[in-house]
All heavy atoms as atom14 arrays in JSON, in Angstrom:
{
  "sequence": "SMNAIAAEAGITKPILYRHFGDKGGLYRALAKRHTDALLSALRAAL",
  "atom14_mask": [
    [1, 1, 1, 1, 1, 1, 0, 0, 0, 0, 0, 0, 0, 0],
    [1, 1, 1, 1, 1, 1, 1, 1, 0, 0, 0, 0, 0, 0],
    [1, 1, 1, 1, 1, 1, 1, 1, 0, 0, 0, 0, 0, 0],
    [1, 1, 1, 1, 1, 0, 0, 0, 0, 0, 0, 0, 0, 0],
    [1, 1, 1, 1, 1, 1, 1, 1, 0, 0, 0, 0, 0, 0],
    [1, 1, 1, 1, 1, 0, 0, 0, 0, 0, 0, 0, 0, 0],
    [1, 1, 1, 1, 1, 0, 0, 0, 0, 0, 0, 0, 0, 0],
    [1, 1, 1, 1, 1, 1, 1, 1, 1, 0, 0, 0, 0, 0],
    [1, 1, 1, 1, 1, 0, 0, 0, 0, 0, 0, 0, 0, 0],
    [1, 1, 1, 1, 0, 0, 0, 0, 0, 0, 0, 0, 0, 0],
    [1, 1, 1, 1, 1, 1, 1, 1, 0, 0, 0, 0, 0, 0],
    [1, 1, 1, 1, 1, 1, 1, 0, 0, 0, 0, 0, 0, 0],
    [1, 1, 1, 1, 1, 1, 1, 1, 1, 0, 0, 0, 0, 0],
    [1, 1, 1, 1, 1, 1, 1, 0, 0, 0, 0, 0, 0, 0],
    [1, 1, 1, 1, 1, 1, 1, 1, 0, 0, 0, 0, 0, 0],
    [1, 1, 1, 1, 1, 1, 1, 1, 0, 0, 0, 0, 0, 0],
    [1, 1, 1, 1, 1, 1, 1, 1, 1, 1, 1, 1, 0, 0],
    [1, 1, 1, 1, 1, 1, 1, 1, 1, 1, 1, 0, 0, 0],
    [1, 1, 1, 1, 1, 1, 1, 1, 1, 1, 0, 0, 0, 0],
    [1, 1, 1, 1, 1, 1, 1, 1, 1, 1, 1, 0, 0, 0],
    [1, 1, 1, 1, 0, 0, 0, 0, 0, 0, 0, 0, 0, 0],
    [1, 1, 1, 1, 1, 1, 1, 1, 0, 0, 0, 0, 0, 0],
    [1, 1, 1, 1, 1, 1, 1, 1, 1, 0, 0, 0, 0, 0],
    [1, 1, 1, 1, 0, 0, 0, 0, 0, 0, 0, 0, 0, 0],
    [1, 1, 1, 1, 0, 0, 0, 0, 0, 0, 0, 0, 0, 0],
    [1, 1, 1, 1, 1, 1, 1, 1, 0, 0, 0, 0, 0, 0],
    [1, 1, 1, 1, 1, 1, 1, 1, 1, 1, 1, 1, 0, 0],
    [1, 1, 1, 1, 1, 1, 1, 1, 1, 1, 1, 0, 0, 0],
    [1, 1, 1, 1, 1, 0, 0, 0, 0, 0, 0, 0, 0, 0],
    [1, 1, 1, 1, 1, 1, 1, 1, 0, 0, 0, 0, 0, 0],
    [1, 1, 1, 1, 1, 0, 0, 0, 0, 0, 0, 0, 0, 0],
    [1, 1, 1, 1, 1, 1, 1, 1, 1, 0, 0, 0, 0, 0],
    [1, 1, 1, 1, 1, 1, 1, 1, 1, 1, 1, 0, 0, 0],
    [1, 1, 1, 1, 1, 1, 1, 1, 1, 1, 0, 0, 0, 0],
    [1, 1, 1, 1, 1, 1, 1, 0, 0, 0, 0, 0, 0, 0],
    [1, 1, 1, 1, 1, 1, 1, 1, 0, 0, 0, 0, 0, 0],
    [1, 1, 1, 1, 1, 0, 0, 0, 0, 0, 0, 0, 0, 0],
    [1, 1, 1, 1, 1, 1, 1, 1, 0, 0, 0, 0, 0, 0],
    [1, 1, 1, 1, 1, 1, 1, 1, 0, 0, 0, 0, 0, 0],
    [1, 1, 1, 1, 1, 1, 0, 0, 0, 0, 0, 0, 0, 0],
    [1, 1, 1, 1, 1, 0, 0, 0, 0, 0, 0, 0, 0, 0],
    [1, 1, 1, 1, 1, 1, 1, 1, 0, 0, 0, 0, 0, 0],
    [1, 1, 1, 1, 1, 1, 1, 1, 1, 1, 1, 0, 0, 0],
    [1, 1, 1, 1, 1, 0, 0, 0, 0, 0, 0, 0, 0, 0],
    [1, 1, 1, 1, 1, 0, 0, 0, 0, 0, 0, 0, 0, 0],
    [1, 1, 1, 1, 1, 1, 1, 1, 0, 0, 0, 0, 0, 0]
  ],
  "atom14_positions": [
    [[0.83, -1.2, 0.0], [0.0, 0.0, 0.0], [0.87, 1.25, 0.0], [2.05, 1.22, 0.36], [-0.91, 0.02, 1.23], [-0.14, 0.23, 2.41], [0.0, 0.0, 0.0], [0.0, 0.0, 0.0], [0.0, 0.0, 0.0], [0.0, 0.0, 0.0], [0.0, 0.0, 0.0], [0.0, 0.0, 0.0], [0.0, 0.0, 0.0], [0.0, 0.0, 0.0]],
    [[0.26, 2.37, -0.39], [0.96, 3.64, -0.36], [1.37, 4.01, 1.07], [2.45, 4.56, 1.29], [0.08, 4.74, -0.96], [-0.23, 4.56, -2.44], [1.21, 4.82, -3.51], [1.14, 6.6, -3.75], [0.0, 0.0, 0.0], [0.0, 0.0, 0.0], [0.0, 0.0, 0.0], [0.0, 0.0, 0.0], [0.0, 0.0, 0.0], [0.0, 0.0, 0.0]],
    [[0.52, 3.7, 2.04], [0.85, 3.98, 3.44], [2.13, 3.25, 3.85], [3.03, 3.81, 4.48], [-0.3, 3.56, 4.36], [-1.35, 4.64, 4.48], [-1.09, 5.8, 4.23], [-2.56, 4.24, 4.85], [0.0, 0.0, 0.0], [0.0, 0.0, 0.0], [0.0, 0.0, 0.0], [0.0, 0.0, 0.0], [0.0, 0.0, 0.0], [0.0, 0.0, 0.0]],
    [[2.19, 1.94, 3.49], [3.35, 1.13, 3.88], [4.62, 1.62, 3.18], [5.7, 1.65, 3.76], [3.09, -0.34, 3.55], [0.0, 0.0, 0.0], [0.0, 0.0, 0.0], [0.0, 0.0, 0.0], [0.0, 0.0, 0.0], [0.0, 0.0, 0.0], [0.0, 0.0, 0.0], [0.0, 0.0, 0.0], [0.0, 0.0, 0.0], [0.0, 0.0, 0.0]],
    [[4.48, 2.02, 1.91], [5.65, 2.49, 1.16], [6.14, 3.82, 1.72], [7.35, 4.04, 1.88], [5.31, 2.59, -0.34], [5.11, 1.17, -0.91], [6.41, 3.32, -1.1], [4.52, 1.14, -2.3], [0.0, 0.0, 0.0], [0.0, 0.0, 0.0], [0.0, 0.0, 0.0], [0.0, 0.0, 0.0], [0.0, 0.0, 0.0], [0.0, 0.0, 0.0]],
    [[5.21, 4.72, 2.03], [5.61, 5.99, 2.63], [6.32, 5.77, 3.95], [7.35, 6.4, 4.24], [4.38, 6.89, 2.82], [0.0, 0.0, 0.0], [0.0, 0.0, 0.0], [0.0, 0.0, 0.0], [0.0, 0.0, 0.0], [0.0, 0.0, 0.0], [0.0, 0.0, 0.0], [0.0, 0.0, 0.0], [0.0, 0.0, 0.0], [0.0, 0.0, 0.0]],
    [[5.79, 4.85, 4.77], [6.42, 4.56, 6.06], [7.82, 3.98, 5.86], [8.77, 4.35, 6.57], [5.55, 3.59, 6.86], [0.0, 0.0, 0.0], [0.0, 0.0, 0.0], [0.0, 0.0, 0.0], [0.0, 0.0, 0.0], [0.0, 0.0, 0.0], [0.0, 0.0, 0.0], [0.0, 0.0, 0.0], [0.0, 0.0, 0.0], [0.0, 0.0, 0.0]],
    [[7.97, 3.09, 4.9], [9.28, 2.49, 4.62], [10.29, 3.56, 4.18], [11.47, 3.5, 4.53], [9.14, 1.43, 3.52], [10.42, 0.78, 3.07], [11.06, -0.1, 4.13], [10.34, -0.61, 5.01], [12.3, -0.29, 4.07], [0.0, 0.0, 0.0], [0.0, 0.0, 0.0], [0.0, 0.0, 0.0], [0.0, 0.0, 0.0], [0.0, 0.0, 0.0]],
    [[9.8, 4.54, 3.43], [10.68, 5.6, 2.93], [10.93, 6.69, 3.97], [11.78, 7.57, 3.75], [10.09, 6.21, 1.67], [0.0, 0.0, 0.0], [0.0, 0.0, 0.0], [0.0, 0.0, 0.0], [0.0, 0.0, 0.0], [0.0, 0.0, 0.0], [0.0, 0.0, 0.0], [0.0, 0.0, 0.0], [0.0, 0.0, 0.0], [0.0, 0.0, 0.0]],
    [[10.19, 6.64, 5.07], [10.36, 7.65, 6.11], [9.79, 9.01, 5.73], [10.32, 10.05, 6.15], [0.0, 0.0, 0.0], [0.0, 0.0, 0.0], [0.0, 0.0, 0.0], [0.0, 0.0, 0.0], [0.0, 0.0, 0.0], [0.0, 0.0, 0.0], [0.0, 0.0, 0.0], [0.0, 0.0, 0.0], [0.0, 0.0, 0.0], [0.0, 0.0, 0.0]],
    [[8.71, 9.0, 4.93], [8.09, 10.24, 4.49], [6.58, 10.16, 4.71], [6.06, 9.11, 5.09], [8.36, 10.53, 2.99], [7.8, 9.37, 2.14], [9.84, 10.73, 2.74], [7.87, 9.63, 0.65], [0.0, 0.0, 0.0], [0.0, 0.0, 0.0], [0.0, 0.0, 0.0], [0.0, 0.0, 0.0], [0.0, 0.0, 0.0], [0.0, 0.0, 0.0]],
    [[5.89, 11.26, 4.47], [4.43, 11.25, 4.54], [3.87, 10.86, 3.17], [4.53, 11.02, 2.14], [3.89, 12.63, 4.94], [4.27, 13.57, 3.94], [4.42, 13.05, 6.3], [0.0, 0.0, 0.0], [0.0, 0.0, 0.0], [0.0, 0.0, 0.0], [0.0, 0.0, 0.0], [0.0, 0.0, 0.0], [0.0, 0.0, 0.0], [0.0, 0.0, 0.0]],
    [[2.64, 10.39, 3.19], [2.03, 9.96, 1.93], [1.9, 11.09, 0.91], [2.1, 10.86, -0.29], [0.68, 9.31, 2.21], [0.16, 8.49, 1.05], [-1.02, 7.63, 1.45], [-2.16, 8.49, 1.95], [-3.37, 7.7, 2.21], [0.0, 0.0, 0.0], [0.0, 0.0, 0.0], [0.0, 0.0, 0.0], [0.0, 0.0, 0.0], [0.0, 0.0, 0.0]],
    [[1.57, 12.33, 1.32], [1.5, 13.41, 0.33], [2.81, 13.61, -0.45], [2.78, 13.96, -1.64], [1.15, 14.64, 1.17], [0.39, 14.08, 2.33], [1.06, 12.77, 2.63], [0.0, 0.0, 0.0], [0.0, 0.0, 0.0], [0.0, 0.0, 0.0], [0.0, 0.0, 0.0], [0.0, 0.0, 0.0], [0.0, 0.0, 0.0], [0.0, 0.0, 0.0]],
    [[3.95, 13.38, 0.21], [5.22, 13.52, -0.5], [5.34, 12.42, -1.55], [5.83, 12.65, -2.67], [6.41, 13.46, 0.49], [6.38, 14.68, 1.41], [7.74, 13.39, -0.26], [7.45, 14.66, 2.49], [0.0, 0.0, 0.0], [0.0, 0.0, 0.0], [0.0, 0.0, 0.0], [0.0, 0.0, 0.0], [0.0, 0.0, 0.0], [0.0, 0.0, 0.0]],
    [[4.9, 11.21, -1.23], [4.91, 10.11, -2.2], [4.03, 10.45, -3.4], [4.41, 10.25, -4.56], [4.44, 8.83, -1.52], [4.73, 7.5, -2.21], [6.22, 7.31, -2.43], [4.16, 6.35, -1.39], [0.0, 0.0, 0.0], [0.0, 0.0, 0.0], [0.0, 0.0, 0.0], [0.0, 0.0, 0.0], [0.0, 0.0, 0.0], [0.0, 0.0, 0.0]],
    [[2.84, 11.0, -3.13], [1.96, 11.42, -4.22], [2.59, 12.52, -5.07], [2.39, 12.57, -6.28], [0.62, 11.9, -3.66], [-0.34, 10.8, -3.27], [-0.77, 10.67, -1.96], [-0.8, 9.9, -4.22], [-1.65, 9.66, -1.6], [-1.68, 8.88, -3.88], [-2.11, 8.76, -2.56], [-2.97, 7.77, -2.22], [0.0, 0.0, 0.0], [0.0, 0.0, 0.0]],
    [[3.35, 13.4, -4.43], [3.98, 14.49, -5.17], [4.94, 13.95, -6.22], [5.08, 14.5, -7.31], [4.73, 15.4, -4.2], [5.23, 16.7, -4.83], [6.07, 17.49, -3.83], [5.38, 17.67, -2.56], [5.98, 17.87, -1.39], [7.31, 17.9, -1.34], [5.29, 18.03, -0.29], [0.0, 0.0, 0.0], [0.0, 0.0, 0.0], [0.0, 0.0, 0.0]],
    [[5.62, 12.84, -5.9], [6.59, 12.26, -6.83], [5.93, 11.4, -7.9], [6.42, 11.33, -9.04], [7.61, 11.42, -6.08], [8.67, 12.23, -5.4], [9.84, 12.62, -6.02], [8.74, 12.74, -4.14], [10.57, 13.33, -5.19], [9.94, 13.41, -4.04], [0.0, 0.0, 0.0], [0.0, 0.0, 0.0], [0.0, 0.0, 0.0], [0.0, 0.0, 0.0]],
    [[4.82, 10.71, -7.57], [4.26, 9.72, -8.5], [2.81, 9.98, -8.89], [2.28, 9.29, -9.76], [4.38, 8.31, -7.9], [5.8, 7.89, -7.65], [6.35, 7.95, -6.38], [6.61, 7.48, -8.7], [7.67, 7.58, -6.14], [7.92, 7.11, -8.48], [8.46, 7.17, -7.21], [0.0, 0.0, 0.0], [0.0, 0.0, 0.0], [0.0, 0.0, 0.0]],
    [[2.16, 10.94, -8.26], [0.8, 11.27, -8.63], [-0.25, 10.47, -7.89], [-1.06, 11.01, -7.15], [0.0, 0.0, 0.0], [0.0, 0.0, 0.0], [0.0, 0.0, 0.0], [0.0, 0.0, 0.0], [0.0, 0.0, 0.0], [0.0, 0.0, 0.0], [0.0, 0.0, 0.0], [0.0, 0.0, 0.0], [0.0, 0.0, 0.0], [0.0, 0.0, 0.0]],
    [[-0.22, 9.14, -8.07], [-1.17, 8.26, -7.41], [-0.61, 6.84, -7.41], [0.53, 6.61, -7.83], [-2.55, 8.3, -8.08], [-2.49, 7.94, -9.57], [-1.44, 7.43, -10.03], [-3.48, 8.14, -10.28], [0.0, 0.0, 0.0], [0.0, 0.0, 0.0], [0.0, 0.0, 0.0], [0.0, 0.0, 0.0], [0.0, 0.0, 0.0], [0.0, 0.0, 0.0]],
    [[-1.41, 5.89, -6.96], [-0.95, 4.5, -6.94], [-0.58, 4.02, -8.33], [0.41, 3.31, -8.52], [-2.05, 3.6, -6.37], [-2.34, 3.77, -4.91], [-3.48, 2.82, -4.52], [-3.89, 3.03, -3.06], [-5.0, 2.15, -2.69], [0.0, 0.0, 0.0], [0.0, 0.0, 0.0], [0.0, 0.0, 0.0], [0.0, 0.0, 0.0], [0.0, 0.0, 0.0]],
    [[-1.4, 4.4, -9.32], [-1.1, 3.98, -10.69], [0.22, 4.52, -11.18], [0.96, 3.82, -11.88], [0.0, 0.0, 0.0], [0.0, 0.0, 0.0], [0.0, 0.0, 0.0], [0.0, 0.0, 0.0], [0.0, 0.0, 0.0], [0.0, 0.0, 0.0], [0.0, 0.0, 0.0], [0.0, 0.0, 0.0], [0.0, 0.0, 0.0], [0.0, 0.0, 0.0]],
    [[0.55, 5.76, -10.81], [1.83, 6.33, -11.22], [3.0, 5.59, -10.6], [4.02, 5.34, -11.26], [0.0, 0.0, 0.0], [0.0, 0.0, 0.0], [0.0, 0.0, 0.0], [0.0, 0.0, 0.0], [0.0, 0.0, 0.0], [0.0, 0.0, 0.0], [0.0, 0.0, 0.0], [0.0, 0.0, 0.0], [0.0, 0.0, 0.0], [0.0, 0.0, 0.0]],
    [[2.87, 5.23, -9.33], [3.93, 4.47, -8.67], [4.04, 3.07, -9.27], [5.15, 2.58, -9.52], [3.66, 4.37, -7.17], [4.67, 3.57, -6.35], [6.08, 4.11, -6.53], [4.29, 3.59, -4.87], [0.0, 0.0, 0.0], [0.0, 0.0, 0.0], [0.0, 0.0, 0.0], [0.0, 0.0, 0.0], [0.0, 0.0, 0.0], [0.0, 0.0, 0.0]],
    [[2.9, 2.44, -9.52], [2.93, 1.11, -10.14], [3.64, 1.16, -11.49], [4.49, 0.33, -11.8], [1.51, 0.56, -10.33], [1.51, -0.73, -11.11], [1.67, -1.96, -10.47], [1.43, -0.72, -12.5], [1.73, -3.13, -11.19], [1.5, -1.89, -13.23], [1.64, -3.09, -12.57], [1.72, -4.25, -13.28], [0.0, 0.0, 0.0], [0.0, 0.0, 0.0]],
    [[3.29, 2.15, -12.31], [3.91, 2.25, -13.65], [5.41, 2.46, -13.54], [6.18, 1.91, -14.34], [3.25, 3.38, -14.46], [1.86, 3.04, -14.95], [1.32, 4.1, -15.9], [1.09, 5.37, -15.24], [-0.03, 5.69, -14.59], [-1.03, 4.81, -14.51], [-0.18, 6.88, -14.04], [0.0, 0.0, 0.0], [0.0, 0.0, 0.0], [0.0, 0.0, 0.0]],
    [[5.84, 3.27, -12.56], [7.28, 3.48, -12.38], [7.98, 2.19, -11.97], [9.06, 1.87, -12.47], [7.51, 4.58, -11.33], [0.0, 0.0, 0.0], [0.0, 0.0, 0.0], [0.0, 0.0, 0.0], [0.0, 0.0, 0.0], [0.0, 0.0, 0.0], [0.0, 0.0, 0.0], [0.0, 0.0, 0.0], [0.0, 0.0, 0.0], [0.0, 0.0, 0.0]],
    [[7.36, 1.43, -11.06], [7.95, 0.15, -10.65], [7.94, -0.84, -11.81], [8.91, -1.58, -12.02], [7.17, -0.42, -9.47], [7.44, 0.23, -8.11], [6.42, -0.26, -7.09], [8.85, -0.06, -7.62], [0.0, 0.0, 0.0], [0.0, 0.0, 0.0], [0.0, 0.0, 0.0], [0.0, 0.0, 0.0], [0.0, 0.0, 0.0], [0.0, 0.0, 0.0]],
    [[6.84, -0.86, -12.56], [6.74, -1.78, -13.69], [7.82, -1.48, -14.73], [8.46, -2.39, -15.26], [5.35, -1.7, -14.31], [0.0, 0.0, 0.0], [0.0, 0.0, 0.0], [0.0, 0.0, 0.0], [0.0, 0.0, 0.0], [0.0, 0.0, 0.0], [0.0, 0.0, 0.0], [0.0, 0.0, 0.0], [0.0, 0.0, 0.0], [0.0, 0.0, 0.0]],
    [[8.04, -0.19, -15.02], [9.08, 0.18, -15.99], [10.46, -0.24, -15.48], [11.28, -0.77, -16.24], [9.05, 1.69, -16.26], [10.05, 2.12, -17.33], [9.97, 3.59, -17.61], [10.86, 3.97, -18.8], [12.25, 3.53, -18.68], [0.0, 0.0, 0.0], [0.0, 0.0, 0.0], [0.0, 0.0, 0.0], [0.0, 0.0, 0.0], [0.0, 0.0, 0.0]],
    [[10.7, -0.02, -14.2], [11.99, -0.37, -13.59], [12.28, -1.86, -13.77], [13.36, -2.26, -14.22], [11.93, 0.0, -12.12], [13.15, -0.34, -11.26], [12.81, 0.0, -9.81], [13.86, -0.35, -8.87], [14.76, 0.5, -8.39], [14.75, 1.76, -8.81], [15.67, 0.12, -7.52], [0.0, 0.0, 0.0], [0.0, 0.0, 0.0], [0.0, 0.0, 0.0]],
    [[11.31, -2.71, -13.46], [11.52, -4.15, -13.54], [11.46, -4.66, -14.98], [12.2, -5.59, -15.34], [10.51, -4.88, -12.65], [10.78, -4.7, -11.2], [11.81, -5.34, -10.55], [10.18, -3.92, -10.25], [11.83, -4.99, -9.28], [10.85, -4.13, -9.07], [0.0, 0.0, 0.0], [0.0, 0.0, 0.0], [0.0, 0.0, 0.0], [0.0, 0.0, 0.0]],
    [[10.6, -4.06, -15.8], [10.51, -4.5, -17.19], [11.78, -4.14, -17.94], [12.27, -4.93, -18.76], [9.29, -3.86, -17.88], [8.11, -4.18, -17.15], [9.14, -4.39, -19.3], [0.0, 0.0, 0.0], [0.0, 0.0, 0.0], [0.0, 0.0, 0.0], [0.0, 0.0, 0.0], [0.0, 0.0, 0.0], [0.0, 0.0, 0.0], [0.0, 0.0, 0.0]],
    [[12.34, -2.95, -17.7], [13.61, -2.57, -18.33], [14.7, -3.58, -17.99], [15.48, -4.0, -18.86], [14.04, -1.18, -17.87], [13.22, -0.06, -18.5], [12.44, -0.35, -19.43], [13.36, 1.09, -18.05], [0.0, 0.0, 0.0], [0.0, 0.0, 0.0], [0.0, 0.0, 0.0], [0.0, 0.0, 0.0], [0.0, 0.0, 0.0], [0.0, 0.0, 0.0]],
    [[14.78, -3.96, -16.7], [15.81, -4.91, -16.27], [15.6, -6.27, -16.93], [16.55, -6.92, -17.38], [15.8, -5.05, -14.76], [0.0, 0.0, 0.0], [0.0, 0.0, 0.0], [0.0, 0.0, 0.0], [0.0, 0.0, 0.0], [0.0, 0.0, 0.0], [0.0, 0.0, 0.0], [0.0, 0.0, 0.0], [0.0, 0.0, 0.0], [0.0, 0.0, 0.0]],
    [[14.32, -6.71, -17.01], [14.02, -8.01, -17.62], [14.35, -7.99, -19.11], [14.96, -8.93, -19.64], [12.55, -8.37, -17.39], [12.07, -9.67, -18.04], [12.87, -10.87, -17.53], [10.58, -9.88, -17.77], [0.0, 0.0, 0.0], [0.0, 0.0, 0.0], [0.0, 0.0, 0.0], [0.0, 0.0, 0.0], [0.0, 0.0, 0.0], [0.0, 0.0, 0.0]],
    [[13.96, -6.93, -19.81], [14.24, -6.85, -21.24], [15.75, -6.84, -21.51], [16.21, -7.45, -22.47], [13.59, -5.6, -21.83], [12.08, -5.69, -22.05], [11.5, -4.31, -22.33], [11.76, -6.65, -23.19], [0.0, 0.0, 0.0], [0.0, 0.0, 0.0], [0.0, 0.0, 0.0], [0.0, 0.0, 0.0], [0.0, 0.0, 0.0], [0.0, 0.0, 0.0]],
    [[16.5, -6.16, -20.67], [17.95, -6.15, -20.83], [18.52, -7.56, -20.68], [19.39, -7.99, -21.46], [18.58, -5.22, -19.78], [19.98, -5.23, -19.86], [0.0, 0.0, 0.0], [0.0, 0.0, 0.0], [0.0, 0.0, 0.0], [0.0, 0.0, 0.0], [0.0, 0.0, 0.0], [0.0, 0.0, 0.0], [0.0, 0.0, 0.0], [0.0, 0.0, 0.0]],
    [[18.01, -8.31, -19.7], [18.48, -9.68, -19.49], [18.06, -10.59, -20.65], [18.83, -11.45, -21.09], [17.92, -10.22, -18.17], [0.0, 0.0, 0.0], [0.0, 0.0, 0.0], [0.0, 0.0, 0.0], [0.0, 0.0, 0.0], [0.0, 0.0, 0.0], [0.0, 0.0, 0.0], [0.0, 0.0, 0.0], [0.0, 0.0, 0.0], [0.0, 0.0, 0.0]],
    [[16.84, -10.39, -21.17], [16.38, -11.2, -22.3], [17.22, -10.94, -23.54], [17.58, -11.87, -24.27], [14.9, -10.92, -22.58], [13.9, -11.39, -21.52], [12.49, -10.92, -21.88], [13.92, -12.91, -21.37], [0.0, 0.0, 0.0], [0.0, 0.0, 0.0], [0.0, 0.0, 0.0], [0.0, 0.0, 0.0], [0.0, 0.0, 0.0], [0.0, 0.0, 0.0]],
    [[17.53, -9.66, -23.78], [18.36, -9.34, -24.95], [19.75, -9.95, -24.81], [20.33, -10.42, -25.8], [18.47, -7.82, -25.11], [17.19, -7.16, -25.61], [17.46, -5.72, -26.03], [16.22, -5.05, -26.42], [15.53, -4.25, -25.63], [15.94, -4.0, -24.41], [14.42, -3.68, -26.06], [0.0, 0.0, 0.0], [0.0, 0.0, 0.0], [0.0, 0.0, 0.0]],
    [[20.29, -9.93, -23.61], [21.62, -10.52, -23.39], [21.59, -12.01, -23.69], [22.52, -12.56, -24.29], [22.08, -10.27, -21.96], [0.0, 0.0, 0.0], [0.0, 0.0, 0.0], [0.0, 0.0, 0.0], [0.0, 0.0, 0.0], [0.0, 0.0, 0.0], [0.0, 0.0, 0.0], [0.0, 0.0, 0.0], [0.0, 0.0, 0.0], [0.0, 0.0, 0.0]],
    [[20.51, -12.68, -23.28], [20.38, -14.12, -23.55], [20.24, -14.37, -25.05], [20.84, -15.32, -25.6], [19.18, -14.69, -22.8], [0.0, 0.0, 0.0], [0.0, 0.0, 0.0], [0.0, 0.0, 0.0], [0.0, 0.0, 0.0], [0.0, 0.0, 0.0], [0.0, 0.0, 0.0], [0.0, 0.0, 0.0], [0.0, 0.0, 0.0], [0.0, 0.0, 0.0]],
    [[19.47, -13.53, -25.74], [19.28, -13.69, -27.18], [20.57, -13.46, -27.96], [20.79, -14.06, -29.01], [18.21, -12.71, -27.68], [16.76, -13.07, -27.38], [15.86, -11.88, -27.67], [16.32, -14.28, -28.18], [0.0, 0.0, 0.0], [0.0, 0.0, 0.0], [0.0, 0.0, 0.0], [0.0, 0.0, 0.0], [0.0, 0.0, 0.0], [0.0, 0.0, 0.0]]
  ]
}
């Protein structure tokens, strides 16, 4: 949850929203981070 992530980062939830907009924005950022890494590994294997 956004609450748990904000707590882990040591910030308030509004600051988290300021960086990512909403849950969807944070999800998309995480998805891009992991998808980029996976695609790089797949290309290396190919």
